C-alpha atoms as a PDB file:
ATOM      1  CA  UNK A   1     -40.770  40.766 -46.499  1.00  0.00           C
ATOM      2  CA  UNK A   2     -41.213  37.239 -47.733  1.00  0.00           C
ATOM      3  CA  UNK A   3     -43.887  36.202 -50.191  1.00  0.00           C
ATOM      4  CA  UNK A   4     -46.399  33.757 -48.744  1.00  0.00           C
ATOM      5  CA  UNK A   5     -48.578  31.741 -51.090  1.00  0.00           C
ATOM      6  CA  UNK A   6     -51.897  30.285 -49.974  1.00  0.00           C
ATOM      7  CA  UNK A   7     -53.254  27.347 -51.951  1.00  0.00           C
ATOM      8  CA  UNK A   8     -56.858  26.225 -51.485  1.00  0.00           C
ATOM      9  CA  UNK A   9     -57.778  22.823 -52.908  1.00  0.00           C
ATOM     10  CA  UNK A  10     -61.176  21.081 -53.117  1.00  0.00           C
ATOM     11  CA  UNK A  11     -62.204  17.664 -51.816  1.00  0.00           C
ATOM     12  CA  UNK A  12     -62.784  14.690 -54.080  1.00  0.00           C
ATOM     13  CA  UNK A  13     -65.648  12.220 -54.296  1.00  0.00           C
ATOM     14  CA  UNK A  14     -64.883   8.953 -56.089  1.00  0.00           C
ATOM     15  CA  UNK A  15     -67.950   7.063 -57.287  1.00  0.00           C
ATOM     16  CA  UNK A  16     -66.221   3.838 -58.315  1.00  0.00           C
ATOM     17  CA  UNK A  17     -63.634   2.171 -60.547  1.00  0.00           C
ATOM     18  CA  UNK A  18     -64.330   0.571 -63.919  1.00  0.00           C
ATOM     19  CA  UNK A  19     -61.831  -2.231 -63.444  1.00  0.00           C
ATOM     20  CA  UNK A  20     -58.670  -3.127 -61.532  1.00  0.00           C
ATOM     21  CA  UNK A  21     -55.092  -3.493 -62.843  1.00  0.00           C
ATOM     22  CA  UNK A  22     -54.920  -5.193 -66.238  1.00  0.00           C
ATOM     23  CA  UNK A  23     -52.061  -7.101 -67.838  1.00  0.00           C
ATOM     24  CA  UNK A  24     -53.201  -5.754 -71.202  1.00  0.00           C
ATOM     25  CA  UNK A  25     -55.355  -2.750 -72.014  1.00  0.00           C
ATOM     26  CA  UNK A  26     -56.298   0.129 -69.739  1.00  0.00           C
ATOM     27  CA  UNK A  27     -56.279  -0.286 -65.957  1.00  0.00           C
ATOM     28  CA  UNK A  28     -58.662   1.294 -63.470  1.00  0.00           C
ATOM     29  CA  UNK A  29     -60.734   4.214 -64.844  1.00  0.00           C
ATOM     30  CA  UNK A  30     -63.561   5.815 -62.934  1.00  0.00           C
ATOM     31  CA  UNK A  31     -65.989   8.614 -62.202  1.00  0.00           C
ATOM     32  CA  UNK A  32     -65.822  11.338 -59.568  1.00  0.00           C
ATOM     33  CA  UNK A  33     -66.330  15.007 -58.793  1.00  0.00           C
ATOM     34  CA  UNK A  34     -64.921  17.836 -56.721  1.00  0.00           C
ATOM     35  CA  UNK A  35     -66.427  19.704 -53.758  1.00  0.00           C
ATOM     36  CA  UNK A  36     -65.584  23.092 -52.247  1.00  0.00           C
ATOM     37  CA  UNK A  37     -65.813  21.691 -48.710  1.00  0.00           C
ATOM     38  CA  UNK A  38     -64.024  20.430 -46.748  1.00  0.00           C
ATOM     39  CA  UNK A  39     -61.109  22.278 -48.327  1.00  0.00           C
ATOM     40  CA  UNK A  40     -57.371  21.879 -47.976  1.00  0.00           C
ATOM     41  CA  UNK A  41     -55.705  25.235 -47.280  1.00  0.00           C
ATOM     42  CA  UNK A  42     -51.909  25.516 -47.164  1.00  0.00           C
ATOM     43  CA  UNK A  43     -49.575  28.517 -46.680  1.00  0.00           C
ATOM     44  CA  UNK A  44     -46.059  28.116 -48.048  1.00  0.00           C
ATOM     45  CA  UNK A  45     -43.002  30.379 -48.318  1.00  0.00           C
ATOM     46  CA  UNK A  46     -39.236  30.265 -48.660  1.00  0.00           C
ATOM     47  CA  UNK A  47     -37.485  30.161 -45.280  1.00  0.00           C
ATOM     48  CA  UNK A  48     -34.120  29.871 -43.556  1.00  0.00           C
ATOM     49  CA  UNK A  49     -34.897  26.464 -42.047  1.00  0.00           C
ATOM     50  CA  UNK A  50     -37.357  23.688 -42.820  1.00  0.00           C
ATOM     51  CA  UNK A  51     -40.521  23.944 -40.729  1.00  0.00           C
ATOM     52  CA  UNK A  52     -44.101  22.722 -40.908  1.00  0.00           C
ATOM     53  CA  UNK A  53     -47.123  23.212 -38.696  1.00  0.00           C
ATOM     54  CA  UNK A  54     -50.825  22.444 -38.614  1.00  0.00           C
ATOM     55  CA  UNK A  55     -52.714  19.191 -39.291  1.00  0.00           C
ATOM     56  CA  UNK A  56     -50.714  16.542 -41.177  1.00  0.00           C
ATOM     57  CA  UNK A  57     -47.608  18.715 -40.847  1.00  0.00           C
ATOM     58  CA  UNK A  58     -45.209  15.772 -41.167  1.00  0.00           C
ATOM     59  CA  UNK A  59     -46.896  14.600 -44.334  1.00  0.00           C
ATOM     60  CA  UNK A  60     -46.910  18.130 -45.750  1.00  0.00           C
ATOM     61  CA  UNK A  61     -43.193  18.469 -45.021  1.00  0.00           C
ATOM     62  CA  UNK A  62     -42.437  15.202 -46.838  1.00  0.00           C
ATOM     63  CA  UNK A  63     -44.418  16.347 -49.897  1.00  0.00           C
ATOM     64  CA  UNK A  64     -42.612  19.701 -49.865  1.00  0.00           C
ATOM     65  CA  UNK A  65     -39.182  18.074 -49.732  1.00  0.00           C
ATOM     66  CA  UNK A  66     -40.145  15.733 -52.560  1.00  0.00           C
ATOM     67  CA  UNK A  67     -41.379  18.663 -54.667  1.00  0.00           C
ATOM     68  CA  UNK A  68     -38.186  20.595 -53.941  1.00  0.00           C
ATOM     69  CA  UNK A  69     -36.099  17.703 -55.212  1.00  0.00           C
ATOM     70  CA  UNK A  70     -38.199  17.572 -58.379  1.00  0.00           C
ATOM     71  CA  UNK A  71     -37.871  21.326 -58.999  1.00  0.00           C
ATOM     72  CA  UNK A  72     -34.210  21.487 -57.836  1.00  0.00           C
ATOM     73  CA  UNK A  73     -35.143  23.998 -55.144  1.00  0.00           C
ATOM     74  CA  UNK A  74     -32.241  24.519 -52.733  1.00  0.00           C
ATOM     75  CA  UNK A  75     -34.050  26.729 -50.209  1.00  0.00           C
ATOM     76  CA  UNK A  76     -35.843  25.350 -47.143  1.00  0.00           C
ATOM     77  CA  UNK A  77     -39.548  26.034 -46.939  1.00  0.00           C
ATOM     78  CA  UNK A  78     -41.954  27.019 -44.193  1.00  0.00           C
ATOM     79  CA  UNK A  79     -45.363  25.345 -44.500  1.00  0.00           C
ATOM     80  CA  UNK A  80     -48.498  25.919 -42.485  1.00  0.00           C
ATOM     81  CA  UNK A  81     -51.464  23.621 -43.118  1.00  0.00           C
ATOM     82  CA  UNK A  82     -54.438  25.739 -42.106  1.00  0.00           C
ATOM     83  CA  UNK A  83     -56.950  22.962 -42.617  1.00  0.00           C
ATOM     84  CA  UNK A  84     -57.403  19.669 -44.397  1.00  0.00           C
ATOM     85  CA  UNK A  85     -60.089  16.967 -44.421  1.00  0.00           C
ATOM     86  CA  UNK A  86     -59.496  13.909 -42.245  1.00  0.00           C
ATOM     87  CA  UNK A  87     -57.165  11.417 -43.875  1.00  0.00           C
ATOM     88  CA  UNK A  88     -58.451   8.145 -45.351  1.00  0.00           C
ATOM     89  CA  UNK A  89     -62.191   8.841 -45.134  1.00  0.00           C
ATOM     90  CA  UNK A  90     -62.825   8.856 -48.908  1.00  0.00           C
ATOM     91  CA  UNK A  91     -62.320  12.555 -49.711  1.00  0.00           C
ATOM     92  CA  UNK A  92     -58.907  12.373 -51.412  1.00  0.00           C
ATOM     93  CA  UNK A  93     -57.163  14.567 -48.851  1.00  0.00           C
ATOM     94  CA  UNK A  94     -53.675  13.154 -49.484  1.00  0.00           C
ATOM     95  CA  UNK A  95     -53.695  13.951 -53.190  1.00  0.00           C
ATOM     96  CA  UNK A  96     -55.046  17.477 -52.631  1.00  0.00           C
ATOM     97  CA  UNK A  97     -52.430  18.234 -49.960  1.00  0.00           C
ATOM     98  CA  UNK A  98     -49.632  16.890 -52.158  1.00  0.00           C
ATOM     99  CA  UNK A  99     -50.698  18.791 -55.262  1.00  0.00           C
ATOM    100  CA  UNK A 100     -51.320  22.012 -53.324  1.00  0.00           C
ATOM    101  CA  UNK A 101     -47.753  21.904 -52.049  1.00  0.00           C
ATOM    102  CA  UNK A 102     -46.319  21.027 -55.465  1.00  0.00           C
ATOM    103  CA  UNK A 103     -48.240  23.939 -56.984  1.00  0.00           C
ATOM    104  CA  UNK A 104     -46.939  26.254 -54.269  1.00  0.00           C
ATOM    105  CA  UNK A 105     -43.307  25.203 -54.693  1.00  0.00           C
ATOM    106  CA  UNK A 106     -43.456  25.749 -58.449  1.00  0.00           C
ATOM    107  CA  UNK A 107     -45.024  29.184 -57.991  1.00  0.00           C
ATOM    108  CA  UNK A 108     -42.450  30.253 -55.388  1.00  0.00           C
ATOM    109  CA  UNK A 109     -39.761  29.428 -57.943  1.00  0.00           C
ATOM    110  CA  UNK A 110     -41.622  31.406 -60.652  1.00  0.00           C
ATOM    111  CA  UNK A 111     -41.978  28.327 -62.817  1.00  0.00           C
ATOM    112  CA  UNK A 112     -44.620  28.315 -65.551  1.00  0.00           C
ATOM    113  CA  UNK A 113     -47.955  26.947 -64.331  1.00  0.00           C
ATOM    114  CA  UNK A 114     -47.433  23.168 -64.618  1.00  0.00           C
ATOM    115  CA  UNK A 115     -49.875  20.777 -66.228  1.00  0.00           C
ATOM    116  CA  UNK A 116     -51.503  18.130 -64.073  1.00  0.00           C
ATOM    117  CA  UNK A 117     -49.050  15.408 -65.183  1.00  0.00           C
ATOM    118  CA  UNK A 118     -46.099  17.451 -63.969  1.00  0.00           C
ATOM    119  CA  UNK A 119     -47.760  18.287 -60.662  1.00  0.00           C
ATOM    120  CA  UNK A 120     -48.606  14.639 -60.023  1.00  0.00           C
ATOM    121  CA  UNK A 121     -45.092  13.492 -60.924  1.00  0.00           C
ATOM    122  CA  UNK A 122     -43.528  16.086 -58.617  1.00  0.00           C
ATOM    123  CA  UNK A 123     -45.139  14.474 -55.579  1.00  0.00           C
ATOM    124  CA  UNK A 124     -45.705  10.901 -56.792  1.00  0.00           C
ATOM    125  CA  UNK A 125     -49.516  10.931 -57.035  1.00  0.00           C
ATOM    126  CA  UNK A 126     -49.811   9.456 -60.541  1.00  0.00           C
ATOM    127  CA  UNK A 127     -52.485   6.847 -59.765  1.00  0.00           C
ATOM    128  CA  UNK A 128     -54.965   9.384 -58.428  1.00  0.00           C
ATOM    129  CA  UNK A 129     -56.385  10.519 -61.770  1.00  0.00           C
ATOM    130  CA  UNK A 130     -59.750  11.858 -60.576  1.00  0.00           C
ATOM    131  CA  UNK A 131     -58.187  13.825 -57.728  1.00  0.00           C
ATOM    132  CA  UNK A 132     -55.327  15.102 -59.894  1.00  0.00           C
ATOM    133  CA  UNK A 133     -57.489  16.337 -62.751  1.00  0.00           C
ATOM    134  CA  UNK A 134     -59.994  17.647 -60.216  1.00  0.00           C
ATOM    135  CA  UNK A 135     -57.305  19.687 -58.459  1.00  0.00           C
ATOM    136  CA  UNK A 136     -56.547  21.314 -61.787  1.00  0.00           C
ATOM    137  CA  UNK A 137     -60.069  22.070 -63.021  1.00  0.00           C
ATOM    138  CA  UNK A 138     -62.833  20.830 -60.707  1.00  0.00           C
ATOM    139  CA  UNK A 139     -66.180  19.547 -61.974  1.00  0.00           C
ATOM    140  CA  UNK A 140     -67.475  16.052 -62.736  1.00  0.00           C
ATOM    141  CA  UNK A 141     -64.611  13.926 -64.049  1.00  0.00           C
ATOM    142  CA  UNK A 142     -64.738  10.791 -66.192  1.00  0.00           C
ATOM    143  CA  UNK A 143     -61.631   8.847 -67.142  1.00  0.00           C
ATOM    144  CA  UNK A 144     -61.647   5.448 -68.780  1.00  0.00           C
ATOM    145  CA  UNK A 145     -58.312   4.036 -67.663  1.00  0.00           C
ATOM    146  CA  UNK A 146     -54.554   4.287 -67.853  1.00  0.00           C
ATOM    147  CA  UNK A 147     -52.304   2.400 -70.245  1.00  0.00           C
ATOM    148  CA  UNK A 148     -49.037   0.980 -68.934  1.00  0.00           C
ATOM    149  CA  UNK A 149     -47.101   3.731 -70.743  1.00  0.00           C
ATOM    150  CA  UNK A 150     -48.997   6.530 -68.963  1.00  0.00           C
ATOM    151  CA  UNK A 151     -48.083   8.001 -65.602  1.00  0.00           C
ATOM    152  CA  UNK A 152     -51.560   9.502 -65.210  1.00  0.00           C
ATOM    153  CA  UNK A 153     -54.793   8.526 -66.938  1.00  0.00           C
ATOM    154  CA  UNK A 154     -56.056  11.058 -69.448  1.00  0.00           C
ATOM    155  CA  UNK A 155     -59.339  12.781 -68.764  1.00  0.00           C
ATOM    156  CA  UNK A 156     -62.067  11.487 -71.079  1.00  0.00           C
ATOM    157  CA  UNK A 157     -64.741  14.012 -70.160  1.00  0.00           C
ATOM    158  CA  UNK A 158     -65.223  16.896 -67.742  1.00  0.00           C
ATOM    159  CA  UNK A 159     -68.453  18.733 -66.993  1.00  0.00           C
ATOM    160  CA  UNK A 160     -69.542  21.564 -64.739  1.00  0.00           C
ATOM    161  CA  UNK A 161     -71.913  20.299 -62.047  1.00  0.00           C
ATOM    162  CA  UNK A 162     -75.067  22.444 -61.678  1.00  0.00           C
ATOM    163  CA  UNK A 163     -74.182  25.097 -59.118  1.00  0.00           C
ATOM    164  CA  UNK A 164     -77.462  24.766 -57.214  1.00  0.00           C
ATOM    165  CA  UNK A 165     -76.927  21.084 -56.412  1.00  0.00           C
ATOM    166  CA  UNK A 166     -75.627  20.224 -52.970  1.00  0.00           C
ATOM    167  CA  UNK A 167     -74.074  17.160 -51.368  1.00  0.00           C
ATOM    168  CA  UNK A 168     -74.638  15.888 -47.852  1.00  0.00           C
ATOM    169  CA  UNK A 169     -71.403  14.381 -46.553  1.00  0.00           C
ATOM    170  CA  UNK A 170     -71.847  11.866 -43.751  1.00  0.00           C
ATOM    171  CA  UNK A 171     -68.764  10.363 -42.120  1.00  0.00           C
ATOM    172  CA  UNK A 172     -69.774   7.752 -39.530  1.00  0.00           C
ATOM    173  CA  UNK A 173     -67.491   6.741 -36.659  1.00  0.00           C
ATOM    174  CA  UNK A 174     -65.714   3.936 -38.441  1.00  0.00           C
ATOM    175  CA  UNK A 175     -62.227   2.671 -39.141  1.00  0.00           C
ATOM    176  CA  UNK A 176     -60.361   4.640 -41.788  1.00  0.00           C
ATOM    177  CA  UNK A 177     -60.756   3.473 -45.356  1.00  0.00           C
ATOM    178  CA  UNK A 178     -58.092   1.134 -46.680  1.00  0.00           C
ATOM    179  CA  UNK A 179     -54.835   2.846 -47.612  1.00  0.00           C
ATOM    180  CA  UNK A 180     -51.137   2.172 -47.979  1.00  0.00           C
ATOM    181  CA  UNK A 181     -50.046  -1.461 -47.796  1.00  0.00           C
ATOM    182  CA  UNK A 182     -53.536  -2.572 -46.693  1.00  0.00           C
ATOM    183  CA  UNK A 183     -54.977  -1.125 -49.908  1.00  0.00           C
ATOM    184  CA  UNK A 184     -52.283  -2.817 -52.000  1.00  0.00           C
ATOM    185  CA  UNK A 185     -53.024  -6.139 -50.293  1.00  0.00           C
ATOM    186  CA  UNK A 186     -56.761  -5.690 -50.857  1.00  0.00           C
ATOM    187  CA  UNK A 187     -56.339  -5.130 -54.587  1.00  0.00           C
ATOM    188  CA  UNK A 188     -54.104  -8.215 -54.745  1.00  0.00           C
ATOM    189  CA  UNK A 189     -56.953 -10.318 -53.294  1.00  0.00           C
ATOM    190  CA  UNK A 190     -59.672  -9.024 -55.604  1.00  0.00           C
ATOM    191  CA  UNK A 191     -60.742 -11.043 -58.638  1.00  0.00           C
ATOM    192  CA  UNK A 192     -60.900  -9.152 -61.945  1.00  0.00           C
ATOM    193  CA  UNK A 193     -63.985  -7.051 -62.623  1.00  0.00           C
ATOM    194  CA  UNK A 194     -66.109  -8.998 -65.140  1.00  0.00           C
ATOM    195  CA  UNK A 195     -66.076  -7.285 -68.561  1.00  0.00           C
ATOM    196  CA  UNK A 196     -69.866  -7.109 -68.587  1.00  0.00           C
ATOM    197  CA  UNK A 197     -69.763  -5.115 -65.322  1.00  0.00           C
ATOM    198  CA  UNK A 198     -67.250  -2.657 -66.788  1.00  0.00           C
ATOM    199  CA  UNK A 199     -69.468  -2.302 -69.864  1.00  0.00           C
ATOM    200  CA  UNK A 200     -72.523  -1.585 -67.711  1.00  0.00           C
ATOM    201  CA  UNK A 201     -70.632   1.005 -65.674  1.00  0.00           C
ATOM    202  CA  UNK A 202     -69.486   2.711 -68.868  1.00  0.00           C
ATOM    203  CA  UNK A 203     -73.041   2.769 -70.210  1.00  0.00           C
ATOM    204  CA  UNK A 204     -74.375   4.241 -66.982  1.00  0.00           C
ATOM    205  CA  UNK A 205     -71.783   7.009 -67.134  1.00  0.00           C
ATOM    206  CA  UNK A 206     -72.025   7.759 -70.869  1.00  0.00           C
ATOM    207  CA  UNK A 207     -75.750   7.297 -71.392  1.00  0.00           C
ATOM    208  CA  UNK A 208     -77.224   8.381 -68.060  1.00  0.00           C
ATOM    209  CA  UNK A 209     -74.973  10.252 -65.625  1.00  0.00           C
ATOM    210  CA  UNK A 210     -73.051  12.569 -67.952  1.00  0.00           C
ATOM    211  CA  UNK A 211     -76.103  13.587 -70.026  1.00  0.00           C
ATOM    212  CA  UNK A 212     -78.072  14.166 -66.816  1.00  0.00           C
ATOM    213  CA  UNK A 213     -75.406  16.559 -65.533  1.00  0.00           C
ATOM    214  CA  UNK A 214     -75.377  18.418 -68.857  1.00  0.00           C
ATOM    215  CA  UNK A 215     -79.161  18.762 -68.767  1.00  0.00           C
ATOM    216  CA  UNK A 216     -79.369  19.428 -65.011  1.00  0.00           C
ATOM    217  CA  UNK A 217     -81.665  16.382 -64.781  1.00  0.00           C
ATOM    218  CA  UNK A 218     -81.340  15.778 -61.066  1.00  0.00           C
ATOM    219  CA  UNK A 219     -83.674  12.765 -60.834  1.00  0.00           C
ATOM    220  CA  UNK A 220     -81.922  10.759 -63.576  1.00  0.00           C
ATOM    221  CA  UNK A 221     -78.501  11.719 -62.251  1.00  0.00           C
ATOM    222  CA  UNK A 222     -79.356  10.638 -58.713  1.00  0.00           C
ATOM    223  CA  UNK A 223     -80.813   7.237 -59.507  1.00  0.00           C
ATOM    224  CA  UNK A 224     -78.113   6.402 -62.084  1.00  0.00           C
ATOM    225  CA  UNK A 225     -75.338   7.471 -59.718  1.00  0.00           C
ATOM    226  CA  UNK A 226     -76.674   5.189 -56.978  1.00  0.00           C
ATOM    227  CA  UNK A 227     -76.783   2.300 -59.466  1.00  0.00           C
ATOM    228  CA  UNK A 228     -73.235   3.042 -60.649  1.00  0.00           C
ATOM    229  CA  UNK A 229     -71.827   3.200 -57.107  1.00  0.00           C
ATOM    230  CA  UNK A 230     -73.610   0.071 -55.925  1.00  0.00           C
ATOM    231  CA  UNK A 231     -72.452  -1.926 -58.948  1.00  0.00           C
ATOM    232  CA  UNK A 232     -68.859  -0.684 -58.644  1.00  0.00           C
ATOM    233  CA  UNK A 233     -68.901  -1.365 -54.898  1.00  0.00           C
ATOM    234  CA  UNK A 234     -70.019  -4.966 -55.393  1.00  0.00           C
ATOM    235  CA  UNK A 235     -66.680  -5.604 -57.112  1.00  0.00           C
ATOM    236  CA  UNK A 236     -65.018  -4.946 -53.723  1.00  0.00           C
ATOM    237  CA  UNK A 237     -67.246  -7.373 -51.817  1.00  0.00           C
ATOM    238  CA  UNK A 238     -64.468  -9.976 -51.339  1.00  0.00           C
ATOM    239  CA  UNK A 239     -62.575  -7.522 -49.107  1.00  0.00           C
ATOM    240  CA  UNK A 240     -65.439  -5.328 -47.811  1.00  0.00           C
ATOM    241  CA  UNK A 241     -68.049  -8.015 -47.261  1.00  0.00           C
ATOM    242  CA  UNK A 242     -70.471  -6.189 -49.561  1.00  0.00           C
ATOM    243  CA  UNK A 243     -70.759  -3.081 -51.743  1.00  0.00           C
ATOM    244  CA  UNK A 244     -69.915  -0.761 -48.821  1.00  0.00           C
ATOM    245  CA  UNK A 245     -67.175  -0.503 -46.216  1.00  0.00           C
ATOM    246  CA  UNK A 246     -69.220  -2.181 -43.473  1.00  0.00           C
ATOM    247  CA  UNK A 247     -72.742  -3.313 -42.570  1.00  0.00           C
ATOM    248  CA  UNK A 248     -73.164  -0.021 -40.659  1.00  0.00           C
ATOM    249  CA  UNK A 249     -72.354   2.021 -43.764  1.00  0.00           C
ATOM    250  CA  UNK A 250     -74.728  -0.170 -45.794  1.00  0.00           C
ATOM    251  CA  UNK A 251     -77.517   0.457 -43.268  1.00  0.00           C
ATOM    252  CA  UNK A 252     -76.939   4.210 -43.478  1.00  0.00           C
ATOM    253  CA  UNK A 253     -77.187   4.094 -47.274  1.00  0.00           C
ATOM    254  CA  UNK A 254     -80.387   2.050 -47.091  1.00  0.00           C
ATOM    255  CA  UNK A 255     -81.877   4.445 -44.530  1.00  0.00           C
ATOM    256  CA  UNK A 256     -81.117   7.483 -46.676  1.00  0.00           C
ATOM    257  CA  UNK A 257     -82.697   5.810 -49.692  1.00  0.00           C
ATOM    258  CA  UNK A 258     -85.780   4.812 -47.734  1.00  0.00           C
ATOM    259  CA  UNK A 259     -86.212   8.426 -46.597  1.00  0.00           C
ATOM    260  CA  UNK A 260     -86.272   9.625 -50.208  1.00  0.00           C
ATOM    261  CA  UNK A 261     -82.676  10.543 -51.012  1.00  0.00           C
ATOM    262  CA  UNK A 262     -81.758   8.741 -54.233  1.00  0.00           C
ATOM    263  CA  UNK A 263     -78.242   9.835 -55.212  1.00  0.00           C
ATOM    264  CA  UNK A 264     -76.524   8.087 -52.327  1.00  0.00           C
ATOM    265  CA  UNK A 265     -73.299   6.092 -52.140  1.00  0.00           C
ATOM    266  CA  UNK A 266     -69.871   5.616 -50.611  1.00  0.00           C
ATOM    267  CA  UNK A 267     -66.899   7.659 -51.756  1.00  0.00           C
ATOM    268  CA  UNK A 268     -63.850   5.526 -52.574  1.00  0.00           C
ATOM    269  CA  UNK A 269     -63.047   3.129 -49.693  1.00  0.00           C
ATOM    270  CA  UNK A 270     -65.271   5.170 -47.384  1.00  0.00           C
ATOM    271  CA  UNK A 271     -66.437   5.437 -44.773  1.00  0.00           C
ATOM    272  CA  UNK A 272     -67.785   8.797 -46.010  1.00  0.00           C
ATOM    273  CA  UNK A 273     -71.265   8.569 -47.526  1.00  0.00           C
ATOM    274  CA  UNK A 274     -72.554  11.159 -49.999  1.00  0.00           C
ATOM    275  CA  UNK A 275     -76.196  12.073 -50.661  1.00  0.00           C
ATOM    276  CA  UNK A 276     -77.136  14.578 -53.375  1.00  0.00           C
ATOM    277  CA  UNK A 277     -79.894  17.156 -53.015  1.00  0.00           C
ATOM    278  CA  UNK A 278     -81.265  19.503 -55.683  1.00  0.00           C
ATOM    279  CA  UNK A 279     -80.606  22.775 -53.802  1.00  0.00           C
ATOM    280  CA  UNK A 280     -79.297  24.309 -50.599  1.00  0.00           C
ATOM    281  CA  UNK A 281     -82.671  24.648 -48.897  1.00  0.00           C
ATOM    282  CA  UNK A 282     -83.367  20.956 -49.388  1.00  0.00           C
ATOM    283  CA  UNK A 283     -79.874  20.072 -48.142  1.00  0.00           C
ATOM    284  CA  UNK A 284     -80.354  22.044 -44.934  1.00  0.00           C
ATOM    285  CA  UNK A 285     -83.736  20.432 -44.342  1.00  0.00           C
ATOM    286  CA  UNK A 286     -82.185  16.998 -44.739  1.00  0.00           C
ATOM    287  CA  UNK A 287     -79.379  17.997 -42.383  1.00  0.00           C
ATOM    288  CA  UNK A 288     -81.984  18.826 -39.741  1.00  0.00           C
ATOM    289  CA  UNK A 289     -83.796  15.537 -40.361  1.00  0.00           C
ATOM    290  CA  UNK A 290     -80.636  13.426 -40.053  1.00  0.00           C
ATOM    291  CA  UNK A 291     -79.725  15.138 -36.767  1.00  0.00           C
ATOM    292  CA  UNK A 292     -82.855  13.589 -35.206  1.00  0.00           C
ATOM    293  CA  UNK A 293     -82.109  10.012 -36.312  1.00  0.00           C
ATOM    294  CA  UNK A 294     -80.142   7.795 -33.905  1.00  0.00           C
ATOM    295  CA  UNK A 295     -78.199   5.999 -36.649  1.00  0.00           C
ATOM    296  CA  UNK A 296     -76.586   9.325 -37.651  1.00  0.00           C
ATOM    297  CA  UNK A 297     -76.144  10.757 -34.152  1.00  0.00           C
ATOM    298  CA  UNK A 298     -72.407  10.000 -34.008  1.00  0.00           C
ATOM    299  CA  UNK A 299     -71.660  10.899 -37.632  1.00  0.00           C
ATOM    300  CA  UNK A 300     -69.957  14.062 -38.834  1.00  0.00           C
ATOM    301  CA  UNK A 301     -72.516  15.515 -41.265  1.00  0.00           C
ATOM    302  CA  UNK A 302     -72.153  18.629 -43.407  1.00  0.00           C
ATOM    303  CA  UNK A 303     -73.366  20.215 -46.652  1.00  0.00           C
ATOM    304  CA  UNK A 304     -70.910  20.690 -49.540  1.00  0.00           C
ATOM    305  CA  UNK A 305     -71.075  22.702 -52.762  1.00  0.00           C
ATOM    306  CA  UNK A 306     -69.805  21.477 -56.154  1.00  0.00           C
ATOM    307  CA  UNK A 307     -66.403  22.851 -57.127  1.00  0.00           C
ATOM    308  CA  UNK A 308     -66.168  23.637 -60.854  1.00  0.00           C
ATOM    309  CA  UNK A 309     -62.897  25.538 -60.882  1.00  0.00           C
ATOM    310  CA  UNK A 310     -60.268  23.435 -59.117  1.00  0.00           C
ATOM    311  CA  UNK A 311     -57.644  24.795 -56.745  1.00  0.00           C
ATOM    312  CA  UNK A 312     -56.877  28.488 -56.270  1.00  0.00           C
ATOM    313  CA  UNK A 313     -53.709  30.306 -55.277  1.00  0.00           C
ATOM    314  CA  UNK A 314     -53.282  33.750 -53.700  1.00  0.00           C
ATOM    315  CA  UNK A 315     -50.240  35.758 -52.634  1.00  0.00           C
ATOM    316  CA  UNK A 316     -49.466  38.012 -49.705  1.00  0.00           C
ATOM    317  CA  UNK A 317     -46.379  39.549 -48.101  1.00  0.00           C
ATOM    318  CA  UNK A 318     -45.530  38.477 -44.561  1.00  0.00           C
ATOM    319  CA  UNK A 319     -42.689  39.178 -42.191  1.00  0.00           C
ATOM    320  CA  UNK A 320     -43.929  36.749 -39.527  1.00  0.00           C
ATOM    321  CA  UNK A 321     -44.228  32.962 -39.343  1.00  0.00           C
ATOM    322  CA  UNK A 322     -46.063  31.272 -42.165  1.00  0.00           C
ATOM    323  CA  UNK A 323     -49.813  31.617 -41.826  1.00  0.00           C
ATOM    324  CA  UNK A 324     -49.493  34.758 -39.604  1.00  0.00           C
ATOM    325  CA  UNK A 325     -50.126  38.281 -40.948  1.00  0.00           C
END
């Protein structure tokens, strides 16, 4: 019998950066939160030969080999990716897949549970602070930037999101969000974020959004989050053409707002749009409403629940291929 570990990781919403890279002082910083769906689920075990299956299998294999080098693991691994969100749609799927595999490799080797810095280093995901801290502990995450000496930005504040809140996730048929070399090129073209914009974003987070989450004040949270995301998105206008990934995404946001949904925005580079509702019943009603509107007919739309715990790991014994009982 070989021990099979199953790691389940949440998705990540990113509401916007505070600034871009800085020659002096902290770089980046931002606000985000974790969702239970769509999850990343990976089975991993020691094996006689390297093998990987399921969605993004090649990427999963590369992460596993990188983690094995970090942990000095000499054994091949068998990896089965049961499910993962689509890549490059704004849900942080790459970071969650990487960290899930790093966590699995460490556990297979009976290493002490690593901190988030070690996990991120093992698979080279140091820039993804919101996703990395979110993998570890879930919730609403606020970090104010990374100094040049830090591999991963420290978490400034973390809060549980009210469990009754729900999030509509709407992914329109659109080109993938910027990633890889295209993302690097985009950041190189962007002018610095004006200090007064960074200050306003910080005030929105510290004085409006975080207190609203603590007090379960849905109305204040929703309106302040929209303002934060729109302001942060405007800083990307030179490469996006506006605060959102495309005119189509902008029209979807405007439509949702006009219908009465206030906490609406684009996650990261998009194209996924989020829209907060106060409870599950309301979310399902909105899901029905959106299904009747032509501008959302081709979108993938679902309801997600806040994740306040981070990733989980379970163990089973299996004599068959990874992912098979």
